[in-house]
């Protein structure tokens, strides 16, 4: 049957239930057990009450077998329809795959050795009007999976497992930081200035104040204000927004961990990164060695260190002191004149670096250090070489996962660097410096280490997920085609 026809049949069943005095959209039901509790330590002749969704059913004369699934697992129901006029029989006769019910009964083991529940009472909780994906094929269309995540979660247990692991990863991070004396805080997502990182923001308007506002691209400058205010260890698991492209590694809305530790530096953040990421890998998978897209990643510390400045020197003969034109000539010489760069800005150099790191097919975690100072306006410099910043980026399986600084706390130098960065920023259109942040620095911010870790990408790595959309419950999607037009393969590929 077509979906509309199935819906009509199920609506009729809902009406039949109401006519029989059974509410197809019932009220509270209190389970005594979850399915896993029953099956893990199975005890026959135990009275139980469980609730969940019907995922399969089959009739054998006056006996109905059904699979009921809750969040923890699936159990077989055995229902004997002895009295055709009983509430039990009337309820079961209107039962469809996808319906949510509560059942009471006695546990037993069938002749086939299947641990089951002999059902004595069925309570209708929700009548499902839409049919679920076919059992053996599930929900495969990625376009539909992302748009209708609720169906994806019903149909694909592995998808539920991914998001369960995501929750466990975040819980582990919180637990570790809390144990080390870090305070979890909240900073504004709606900001009068978009700062703390380079990115194109989402703009809006606050009507009461007649004020232009931005969804934050990073919480960094507000977290540093807290260091000024006397909080010495703070962190935020935060939602950030960047009005930029979409890919398997980028979503306009994403989750970051940012951590700041007074009286520390980027070396302390390097150790913290190893502890957080390697610890999460061990917590979730039981091992430091994790398979990701056919490649084994060994998260066990200590991680390898590589010098970005040395790579730029070896590959392009570029020095941090070189003028932009000189750098561009050297890149062109290396690439045989085929470089497509209009102007060699900071972001252009970073793009070259990112492409280089991906070309190297990095698998195991690597800390890249010795970034050029002009790429890092918020970081301190190395005392013996002002052209190099006290910064690292952590790459795993070709993806940037973490970024850390020894934080710049000289207000005069910070102003100069931010103004210099504005002149170099030709991508985002940001033309403002956060004067209040600079004022805060004038009151005195202790030396500190700061760290950012991409939660979405970390979850990708620890759940073997190829796309960032696989680890975000409701990723941003293109508008649906005009009614009657189906998404094309090209549309899905662009997404």
Protein backbone atom coordinates (compact mmCIF):
# COMPACT_ATOMS: atom_id res chain seq x y z
CA UNK A 1 0.00 0.00 0.00
CA UNK A 2 0.98 3.61 -0.51
CA UNK A 3 1.82 5.73 2.57
CA UNK A 4 -1.48 7.62 2.38
CA UNK A 5 -3.41 4.35 2.22
CA UNK A 6 -1.49 2.94 5.19
CA UNK A 7 -2.27 6.09 7.16
CA UNK A 8 -6.00 5.74 6.41
CA UNK A 9 -5.99 2.11 7.59
CA UNK A 10 -4.21 3.04 10.80
CA UNK A 11 -6.53 5.97 11.44
CA UNK A 12 -9.43 3.53 11.15
CA UNK A 13 -7.78 1.27 13.72
CA UNK A 14 -7.39 4.24 16.06
CA UNK A 15 -11.10 4.94 15.69
CA UNK A 16 -11.89 1.28 16.41
CA UNK A 17 -9.86 1.49 19.60
CA UNK A 18 -11.74 4.58 20.71
CA UNK A 19 -15.05 2.86 19.93
CA UNK A 20 -13.96 -0.02 22.16
CA UNK A 21 -13.17 2.38 24.97
CA UNK A 22 -9.40 2.21 24.48
CA UNK A 23 -7.46 5.49 24.19
CA UNK A 24 -4.99 5.08 21.27
CA UNK A 25 -2.89 7.88 22.79
CA UNK A 26 -2.74 6.77 26.38
CA UNK A 27 -1.46 8.42 29.50
CA UNK A 28 1.28 7.57 31.96
CA UNK A 29 2.63 4.02 32.15
CA UNK A 30 5.26 3.08 34.73
CA UNK A 31 7.63 0.28 33.67
CA UNK A 32 9.07 -1.94 36.38
CA UNK A 33 12.06 -2.93 34.23
CA UNK A 34 13.88 -1.98 31.07
CA UNK A 35 14.37 -4.74 28.51
CA UNK A 36 18.08 -5.18 29.18
CA UNK A 37 17.45 -5.65 32.91
CA UNK A 38 15.04 -8.49 32.12
CA UNK A 39 17.26 -10.28 29.62
CA UNK A 40 20.65 -9.80 31.27
CA UNK A 41 19.70 -11.68 34.42
CA UNK A 42 16.67 -13.56 33.10
CA UNK A 43 14.46 -15.10 35.77
CA UNK A 44 11.38 -17.12 34.73
CA UNK A 45 7.99 -16.48 36.37
CA UNK A 46 8.84 -12.87 37.18
CA UNK A 47 6.09 -10.24 37.00
CA UNK A 48 7.25 -7.37 34.79
CA UNK A 49 5.92 -4.20 33.20
CA UNK A 50 7.77 -2.77 30.18
CA UNK A 51 7.07 -0.10 27.58
CA UNK A 52 8.41 0.44 24.09
CA UNK A 53 7.75 0.35 20.36
CA UNK A 54 6.53 -2.67 18.41
CA UNK A 55 9.20 -3.48 15.81
CA UNK A 56 7.83 -6.77 14.46
CA UNK A 57 4.76 -8.97 14.88
CA UNK A 58 3.50 -12.29 13.55
CA UNK A 59 0.29 -14.23 14.19
CA UNK A 60 -0.04 -18.00 14.63
CA UNK A 61 -3.75 -18.71 15.08
CA UNK A 62 -4.79 -17.35 18.46
CA UNK A 63 -1.23 -16.52 19.43
CA UNK A 64 0.60 -13.32 18.48
CA UNK A 65 4.36 -12.92 18.77
CA UNK A 66 5.76 -9.39 18.75
CA UNK A 67 9.12 -7.71 19.30
CA UNK A 68 8.98 -4.79 21.73
CA UNK A 69 11.98 -2.45 21.77
CA UNK A 70 12.85 0.19 24.35
CA UNK A 71 15.99 2.32 24.55
CA UNK A 72 17.98 -0.54 26.09
CA UNK A 73 17.06 -3.48 23.86
CA UNK A 74 14.42 -5.77 22.38
CA UNK A 75 12.30 -8.55 23.91
CA UNK A 76 9.79 -11.00 22.47
CA UNK A 77 6.15 -10.77 23.55
CA UNK A 78 3.86 -13.81 23.63
CA UNK A 79 0.18 -12.86 23.55
CA UNK A 80 -2.60 -15.47 23.67
CA UNK A 81 -5.96 -14.21 22.35
CA UNK A 82 -8.32 -16.54 24.25
CA UNK A 83 -11.36 -14.26 24.53
CA UNK A 84 -12.32 -12.37 21.33
CA UNK A 85 -14.21 -9.74 23.37
CA UNK A 86 -11.49 -9.04 25.93
CA UNK A 87 -9.70 -5.62 26.04
CA UNK A 88 -6.45 -7.50 25.39
CA UNK A 89 -7.73 -9.02 22.14
CA UNK A 90 -9.26 -5.74 20.95
CA UNK A 91 -6.03 -3.90 21.60
CA UNK A 92 -3.84 -6.50 19.88
CA UNK A 93 -6.13 -6.69 16.82
CA UNK A 94 -5.44 -2.99 16.21
CA UNK A 95 -1.70 -3.29 16.83
CA UNK A 96 0.73 -2.26 14.07
CA UNK A 97 4.49 -2.12 13.74
CA UNK A 98 5.58 1.24 15.12
CA UNK A 99 2.93 1.47 17.84
CA UNK A 100 4.11 2.33 21.35
CA UNK A 101 2.57 0.21 24.09
CA UNK A 102 3.02 -0.80 27.69
CA UNK A 103 2.67 -4.45 28.65
CA UNK A 104 2.40 -6.43 31.85
CA UNK A 105 3.06 -10.14 32.09
CA UNK A 106 5.16 -13.03 33.33
CA UNK A 107 8.60 -13.94 32.01
CA UNK A 108 9.13 -17.41 30.54
CA UNK A 109 11.26 -19.27 27.99
CA UNK A 110 9.57 -20.63 24.84
CA UNK A 111 10.07 -24.15 23.52
CA UNK A 112 12.49 -22.64 21.01
CA UNK A 113 14.61 -21.30 23.88
CA UNK A 114 13.57 -17.64 23.45
CA UNK A 115 13.34 -15.61 26.66
CA UNK A 116 9.98 -13.86 26.42
CA UNK A 117 7.10 -12.18 28.26
CA UNK A 118 3.71 -13.89 28.44
CA UNK A 119 1.54 -10.78 28.16
CA UNK A 120 -1.61 -10.45 30.26
CA UNK A 121 -2.30 -6.75 29.71
CA UNK A 122 -1.64 -4.25 26.90
CA UNK A 123 -1.90 -0.49 27.36
CA UNK A 124 -1.96 1.57 24.16
CA UNK A 125 0.31 4.60 24.55
CA UNK A 126 0.72 5.89 20.98
CA UNK A 127 -0.83 4.73 17.71
CA UNK A 128 1.69 5.11 14.90
CA UNK A 129 0.13 6.42 11.68
CA UNK A 130 3.24 6.22 9.49
CA UNK A 131 4.94 3.00 8.42
CA UNK A 132 8.53 2.33 9.46
CA UNK A 133 11.26 1.49 6.92
CA UNK A 134 11.26 -2.12 5.73
CA UNK A 135 12.95 -4.38 8.29
CA UNK A 136 15.79 -5.81 6.21
CA UNK A 137 16.82 -2.64 4.41
CA UNK A 138 16.25 -0.02 7.08
CA UNK A 139 16.56 3.67 6.33
CA UNK A 140 19.42 3.98 3.84
CA UNK A 141 18.81 7.27 1.99
CA UNK A 142 21.22 9.73 3.65
CA UNK A 143 19.07 12.68 2.64
CA UNK A 144 16.05 11.24 4.47
CA UNK A 145 18.16 10.00 7.38
CA UNK A 146 19.44 13.51 8.17
CA UNK A 147 16.11 15.25 7.56
CA UNK A 148 14.06 12.73 9.51
CA UNK A 149 16.50 11.80 12.24
CA UNK A 150 13.62 10.56 14.40
CA UNK A 151 12.96 7.80 11.84
CA UNK A 152 16.69 7.15 11.49
CA UNK A 153 16.94 6.59 15.25
CA UNK A 154 13.99 4.19 15.23
CA UNK A 155 15.21 2.20 12.23
CA UNK A 156 18.97 2.10 12.79
CA UNK A 157 20.26 0.88 16.15
CA UNK A 158 23.83 1.78 15.22
CA UNK A 159 22.75 5.42 14.88
CA UNK A 160 21.34 5.39 18.41
CA UNK A 161 24.64 3.86 19.55
CA UNK A 162 26.59 6.76 17.98
CA UNK A 163 24.61 9.36 19.89
CA UNK A 164 24.75 7.36 23.09
CA UNK A 165 28.54 7.33 22.74
CA UNK A 166 28.52 11.06 22.01
CA UNK A 167 26.78 11.66 25.32
CA UNK A 168 29.29 9.43 27.11
CA UNK A 169 32.23 11.31 25.52
CA UNK A 170 30.90 14.67 26.72
CA UNK A 171 30.21 13.23 30.18
CA UNK A 172 33.76 11.89 30.37
CA UNK A 173 35.21 15.29 29.42
CA UNK A 174 33.12 17.05 32.05
CA UNK A 175 34.06 14.53 34.70
CA UNK A 176 37.79 14.79 34.04
CA UNK A 177 37.78 18.60 34.03
CA UNK A 178 35.60 18.80 37.14
CA UNK A 179 37.96 16.44 38.96
CA UNK A 180 40.89 18.73 38.08
CA UNK A 181 39.25 21.78 39.56
CA UNK A 182 37.92 23.40 36.38
CA UNK A 183 34.65 25.32 36.69
CA UNK A 184 32.03 24.88 33.96
CA UNK A 185 30.63 28.26 32.90
CA UNK A 186 28.27 29.73 30.32
CA UNK A 187 29.06 32.73 28.14
CA UNK A 188 26.82 34.59 25.68
CA UNK A 189 25.83 33.01 22.38
CA UNK A 190 24.28 36.31 21.32
CA UNK A 191 27.08 38.89 21.12
CA UNK A 192 27.37 42.55 20.07
CA UNK A 193 30.67 41.72 18.32
CA UNK A 194 31.79 38.50 16.65
CA UNK A 195 35.25 37.77 18.01
CA UNK A 196 37.63 35.16 19.36
CA UNK A 197 38.25 33.50 16.00
CA UNK A 198 38.17 34.23 12.31
CA UNK A 199 34.84 33.26 10.78
CA UNK A 200 31.84 34.74 9.00
CA UNK A 201 29.11 35.25 11.59
CA UNK A 202 25.32 35.02 11.46
CA UNK A 203 23.84 38.50 11.97
CA UNK A 204 20.56 39.45 13.60
CA UNK A 205 18.85 42.43 15.24
CA UNK A 206 17.77 43.01 18.83
CA UNK A 207 14.68 45.18 18.47
CA UNK A 208 14.38 46.52 22.00
CA UNK A 209 17.95 47.87 21.99
CA UNK A 210 17.98 48.59 18.24
CA UNK A 211 21.24 46.65 18.27
CA UNK A 212 22.99 44.54 15.65
CA UNK A 213 23.96 41.21 17.22
CA UNK A 214 25.81 38.09 16.14
CA UNK A 215 25.64 34.42 16.96
CA UNK A 216 29.02 33.68 18.48
CA UNK A 217 31.81 32.22 16.38
CA UNK A 218 33.84 31.46 19.55
CA UNK A 219 33.54 32.04 23.34
CA UNK A 220 37.24 32.80 23.80
CA UNK A 221 37.17 36.50 24.64
CA UNK A 222 34.45 36.07 27.26
CA UNK A 223 36.23 33.14 28.91
CA UNK A 224 39.39 35.25 29.16
CA UNK A 225 37.35 37.98 30.87
CA UNK A 226 36.65 35.38 33.57
CA UNK A 227 40.41 34.85 34.04
CA UNK A 228 40.67 38.60 34.58
CA UNK A 229 37.85 38.35 37.11
CA UNK A 230 39.70 35.78 39.22
CA UNK A 231 38.42 32.40 38.01
CA UNK A 232 41.61 30.45 37.46
CA UNK A 233 40.31 27.31 35.71
CA UNK A 234 37.22 27.51 33.50
CA UNK A 235 35.70 25.56 30.63
CA UNK A 236 32.65 25.69 28.41
CA UNK A 237 31.17 23.05 26.13
CA UNK A 238 29.69 25.53 23.73
CA UNK A 239 27.68 25.88 20.54
CA UNK A 240 29.33 28.03 17.88
CA UNK A 241 27.95 29.29 14.59
CA UNK A 242 29.76 30.18 11.37
CA UNK A 243 27.97 31.30 8.24
CA UNK A 244 30.20 29.33 5.92
CA UNK A 245 30.30 26.21 3.77
CA UNK A 246 29.05 22.72 4.56
CA UNK A 247 31.11 19.57 4.10
CA UNK A 248 31.74 16.21 5.73
CA UNK A 249 33.85 18.08 8.31
CA UNK A 250 31.97 21.37 8.65
CA UNK A 251 28.48 22.27 9.85
CA UNK A 252 27.30 25.87 10.36
CA UNK A 253 26.42 24.99 13.97
CA UNK A 254 28.97 22.95 15.88
CA UNK A 255 30.13 22.08 19.39
CA UNK A 256 33.47 23.05 20.90
CA UNK A 257 35.16 22.53 24.22
CA UNK A 258 37.18 25.56 25.35
CA UNK A 259 39.39 25.37 28.45
CA UNK A 260 41.48 28.09 30.13
CA UNK A 261 44.02 27.55 32.91
CA UNK A 262 45.62 30.50 34.67
CA UNK A 263 49.37 30.30 35.30
CA UNK A 264 49.71 27.62 32.62
CA UNK A 265 50.84 27.61 29.00
CA UNK A 266 50.35 25.70 25.77
CA UNK A 267 52.56 22.90 27.11
CA UNK A 268 50.03 22.28 29.88
CA UNK A 269 47.28 22.29 27.24
CA UNK A 270 49.20 19.71 25.23
CA UNK A 271 49.20 17.34 28.20
CA UNK A 272 45.52 18.08 28.88
CA UNK A 273 44.65 17.34 25.25
CA UNK A 274 46.34 13.94 25.45
CA UNK A 275 44.56 13.16 28.70
CA UNK A 276 41.14 14.22 27.42
CA UNK A 277 41.25 12.63 23.97
CA UNK A 278 43.18 9.46 24.79
CA UNK A 279 41.12 9.04 27.95
CA UNK A 280 37.87 9.41 26.00
CA UNK A 281 39.08 6.81 23.48
CA UNK A 282 39.83 4.34 26.27
CA UNK A 283 36.55 5.12 28.04
CA UNK A 284 34.37 4.63 24.95
CA UNK A 285 36.14 1.83 23.07
CA UNK A 286 38.09 0.10 25.82
CA UNK A 287 41.40 0.64 24.02
CA UNK A 288 43.80 3.36 22.88
CA UNK A 289 43.74 1.74 19.44
CA UNK A 290 40.63 2.65 17.45
CA UNK A 291 39.61 1.84 13.89
CA UNK A 292 38.50 4.82 11.82
CA UNK A 293 37.43 4.35 8.20
CA UNK A 294 39.70 1.34 7.76
CA UNK A 295 42.71 2.95 9.48
CA UNK A 296 43.94 2.12 12.97
CA UNK A 297 44.56 5.16 15.17
CA UNK A 298 46.74 4.78 18.24
CA UNK A 299 45.70 7.46 20.75
CA UNK A 300 48.15 6.36 23.44
CA UNK A 301 50.29 9.28 24.74
CA UNK A 302 52.77 10.75 24.25
CA UNK A 303 51.79 12.02 20.79
CA UNK A 304 54.23 12.96 18.04
CA UNK A 305 55.33 16.61 17.68
CA UNK A 306 56.08 18.26 14.34
CA UNK A 307 57.16 21.80 13.52
CA UNK A 308 54.86 23.69 11.16
CA UNK A 309 57.59 26.25 10.54
CA UNK A 310 60.05 23.49 9.61
CA UNK A 311 57.53 21.89 7.25
CA UNK A 312 56.96 25.25 5.53
CA UNK A 313 60.72 25.66 5.25
CA UNK A 314 61.32 22.15 3.91
CA UNK A 315 58.42 22.10 1.48
CA UNK A 316 58.29 25.72 0.26
CA UNK A 317 61.51 27.33 1.60
CA UNK A 318 59.18 29.82 3.35
CA UNK A 319 60.41 31.68 6.43
CA UNK A 320 58.05 33.43 8.88
CA UNK A 321 59.80 36.76 8.23
CA UNK A 322 59.19 36.60 4.45
CA UNK A 323 56.97 39.24 2.85
CA UNK A 324 53.70 38.06 1.37
CA UNK A 325 54.95 38.48 -2.20
CA UNK A 326 58.04 36.42 -1.46
CA UNK A 327 55.93 33.68 0.10
CA UNK A 328 53.64 33.64 -2.91
CA UNK A 329 56.58 33.31 -5.31
CA UNK A 330 57.97 30.38 -3.31
CA UNK A 331 54.61 28.60 -3.26
CA UNK A 332 54.25 29.11 -7.01
CA UNK A 333 57.74 27.78 -7.59
CA UNK A 334 56.95 24.65 -5.57
CA UNK A 335 53.65 24.11 -7.33
CA UNK A 336 54.95 24.85 -10.80
CA UNK A 337 53.06 28.12 -11.07
CA UNK A 338 49.63 26.54 -10.65
CA UNK A 339 48.68 28.15 -7.34
CA UNK A 340 45.23 29.79 -7.37
CA UNK A 341 45.61 32.50 -4.73
CA UNK A 342 44.62 36.10 -5.33
CA UNK A 343 46.40 37.38 -2.25
CA UNK A 344 48.61 35.54 0.21
CA UNK A 345 46.87 36.40 3.47
CA UNK A 346 47.10 34.64 6.80
CA UNK A 347 44.14 32.48 5.88
CA UNK A 348 45.72 31.60 2.53
CA UNK A 349 48.88 30.40 4.29
CA UNK A 350 46.73 28.42 6.71
CA UNK A 351 44.88 26.84 3.80
CA UNK A 352 48.19 25.77 2.30
CA UNK A 353 49.17 24.27 5.67
CA UNK A 354 45.87 22.42 6.02
CA UNK A 355 46.13 21.03 2.50
CA UNK A 356 49.69 19.95 3.27
CA UNK A 357 48.67 18.14 6.44
CA UNK A 358 45.89 16.32 4.59
CA UNK A 359 48.29 15.35 1.79
CA UNK A 360 50.55 13.71 4.38
CA UNK A 361 47.72 11.31 5.30
CA UNK A 362 48.21 11.70 9.02
CA UNK A 363 46.60 8.90 11.00
CA UNK A 364 47.93 8.84 14.57
CA UNK A 365 47.60 12.05 16.64
CA UNK A 366 50.20 14.72 15.90
CA UNK A 367 50.84 18.10 17.55
CA UNK A 368 51.91 20.72 15.03
CA UNK A 369 53.83 23.50 16.74
CA UNK A 370 55.85 26.58 15.69
CA UNK A 371 53.10 28.41 13.83
CA UNK A 372 53.92 31.78 12.34
CA UNK A 373 52.98 34.62 14.69
CA UNK A 374 50.96 36.47 12.05
CA UNK A 375 48.61 33.47 11.96
CA UNK A 376 47.96 33.67 15.72
CA UNK A 377 46.80 37.13 16.88
CA UNK A 378 45.69 35.88 20.32
CA UNK A 379 48.80 33.83 21.20
CA UNK A 380 52.06 34.74 22.89
CA UNK A 381 55.26 34.45 20.89
CA UNK A 382 58.23 32.21 21.63
CA UNK A 383 60.68 34.41 23.61
CA UNK A 384 63.70 33.38 21.54
CA UNK A 385 61.88 33.92 18.23
CA UNK A 386 59.07 36.52 18.05
CA UNK A 387 58.14 35.31 14.54
CA UNK A 388 56.92 31.99 16.02
CA UNK A 389 53.90 31.68 18.30
CA UNK A 390 53.41 29.52 21.41
CA UNK A 391 50.69 27.49 19.77
CA UNK A 392 49.86 23.98 18.63
CA UNK A 393 47.19 22.32 16.55
CA UNK A 394 46.31 18.66 17.07
CA UNK A 395 45.59 16.63 13.93
CA UNK A 396 44.16 13.10 13.91
CA UNK A 397 43.38 11.12 10.74
CA UNK A 398 43.91 14.26 8.66
CA UNK A 399 41.47 16.38 10.69
CA UNK A 400 42.26 19.31 12.94
CA UNK A 401 40.76 18.34 16.31
CA UNK A 402 42.42 20.73 18.78
CA UNK A 403 44.02 24.17 18.94
CA UNK A 404 45.84 25.76 21.89
CA UNK A 405 47.84 28.86 22.84
CA UNK A 406 49.89 30.37 25.52
CA UNK A 407 47.43 33.25 25.75
CA UNK A 408 48.57 36.78 24.97
CA UNK A 409 47.94 38.99 28.04
CA UNK A 410 49.77 42.21 27.07
CA UNK A 411 46.95 44.69 26.26
CA UNK A 412 49.08 46.96 24.07
CA UNK A 413 50.48 44.08 22.03
CA UNK A 414 47.02 42.53 21.83
CA UNK A 415 45.56 45.73 20.35
CA UNK A 416 48.34 45.94 17.78
CA UNK A 417 47.89 42.30 16.76
CA UNK A 418 44.09 42.53 16.48
CA UNK A 419 44.32 45.64 14.30
CA UNK A 420 46.92 43.92 12.14
CA UNK A 421 44.62 40.90 11.82
CA UNK A 422 41.75 43.12 10.65
CA UNK A 423 43.89 44.38 7.80
CA UNK A 424 44.67 40.82 6.77
CA UNK A 425 41.08 39.52 7.05
CA UNK A 426 39.62 39.72 3.56
CA UNK A 427 37.19 36.80 3.96
CA UNK A 428 34.78 37.51 6.81
CA UNK A 429 34.13 41.25 6.56
CA UNK A 430 34.75 41.76 10.29
CA UNK A 431 36.11 45.27 10.85
CA UNK A 432 35.77 45.74 14.61
CA UNK A 433 38.00 45.24 17.62
CA UNK A 434 36.42 44.27 20.95
CA UNK A 435 37.36 47.31 23.01
CA UNK A 436 35.82 45.92 26.19
CA UNK A 437 38.06 42.85 25.94
CA UNK A 438 41.10 45.10 25.64
CA UNK A 439 39.89 47.08 28.65
CA UNK A 440 39.60 43.83 30.60
CA UNK A 441 43.22 42.99 29.75
CA UNK A 442 44.28 46.36 31.15
CA UNK A 443 43.01 45.23 34.56
CA UNK A 444 45.38 42.28 34.29
CA UNK A 445 44.91 38.74 32.98
CA UNK A 446 47.25 36.12 34.42
CA UNK A 447 49.41 34.14 32.01
CA UNK A 448 47.33 31.20 30.89
CA UNK A 449 47.02 28.25 28.58
CA UNK A 450 43.90 28.01 26.44
CA UNK A 451 42.59 25.01 24.52
CA UNK A 452 39.80 24.31 22.04
CA UNK A 453 38.71 20.80 20.99
CA UNK A 454 36.12 20.08 18.31
CA UNK A 455 33.59 17.76 19.96
CA UNK A 456 31.88 16.78 16.71
CA UNK A 457 35.13 15.70 15.05
CA UNK A 458 36.25 13.84 18.17
CA UNK A 459 32.96 11.94 18.15
CA UNK A 460 33.46 11.16 14.46
CA UNK A 461 36.81 9.57 15.26
CA UNK A 462 35.58 7.54 18.22
CA UNK A 463 32.43 6.25 16.47
CA UNK A 464 33.95 5.56 13.01
CA UNK A 465 31.61 8.12 11.41
CA UNK A 466 32.67 9.45 7.98
CA UNK A 467 30.65 12.70 8.10
CA UNK A 468 30.06 15.34 10.74
CA UNK A 469 26.34 15.01 9.95
CA UNK A 470 26.46 11.47 11.28
CA UNK A 471 27.27 12.80 14.77
CA UNK A 472 24.96 15.86 14.84
CA UNK A 473 21.38 14.92 15.63
CA UNK A 474 19.78 17.58 13.45
CA UNK A 475 22.28 19.00 10.92
CA UNK A 476 21.33 22.02 8.85
CA UNK A 477 19.94 20.93 5.47
CA UNK A 478 19.10 22.60 2.20
CA UNK A 479 15.41 23.42 1.69
CA UNK A 480 13.38 20.54 0.31
CA UNK A 481 12.68 20.55 -3.43
CA UNK A 482 9.29 21.67 -4.70
CA UNK A 483 6.63 19.14 -3.70
CA UNK A 484 6.63 16.26 -6.15
CA UNK A 485 10.35 16.62 -6.93
CA UNK A 486 12.62 14.05 -5.31
CA UNK A 487 16.15 14.91 -4.13
CA UNK A 488 18.67 14.01 -6.80
CA UNK A 489 22.01 12.30 -6.32
CA UNK A 490 23.64 15.62 -7.18
CA UNK A 491 21.66 17.38 -4.45
CA UNK A 492 22.75 14.82 -1.89
CA UNK A 493 26.38 15.09 -3.03
CA UNK A 494 26.29 18.91 -2.67
CA UNK A 495 24.85 18.55 0.79
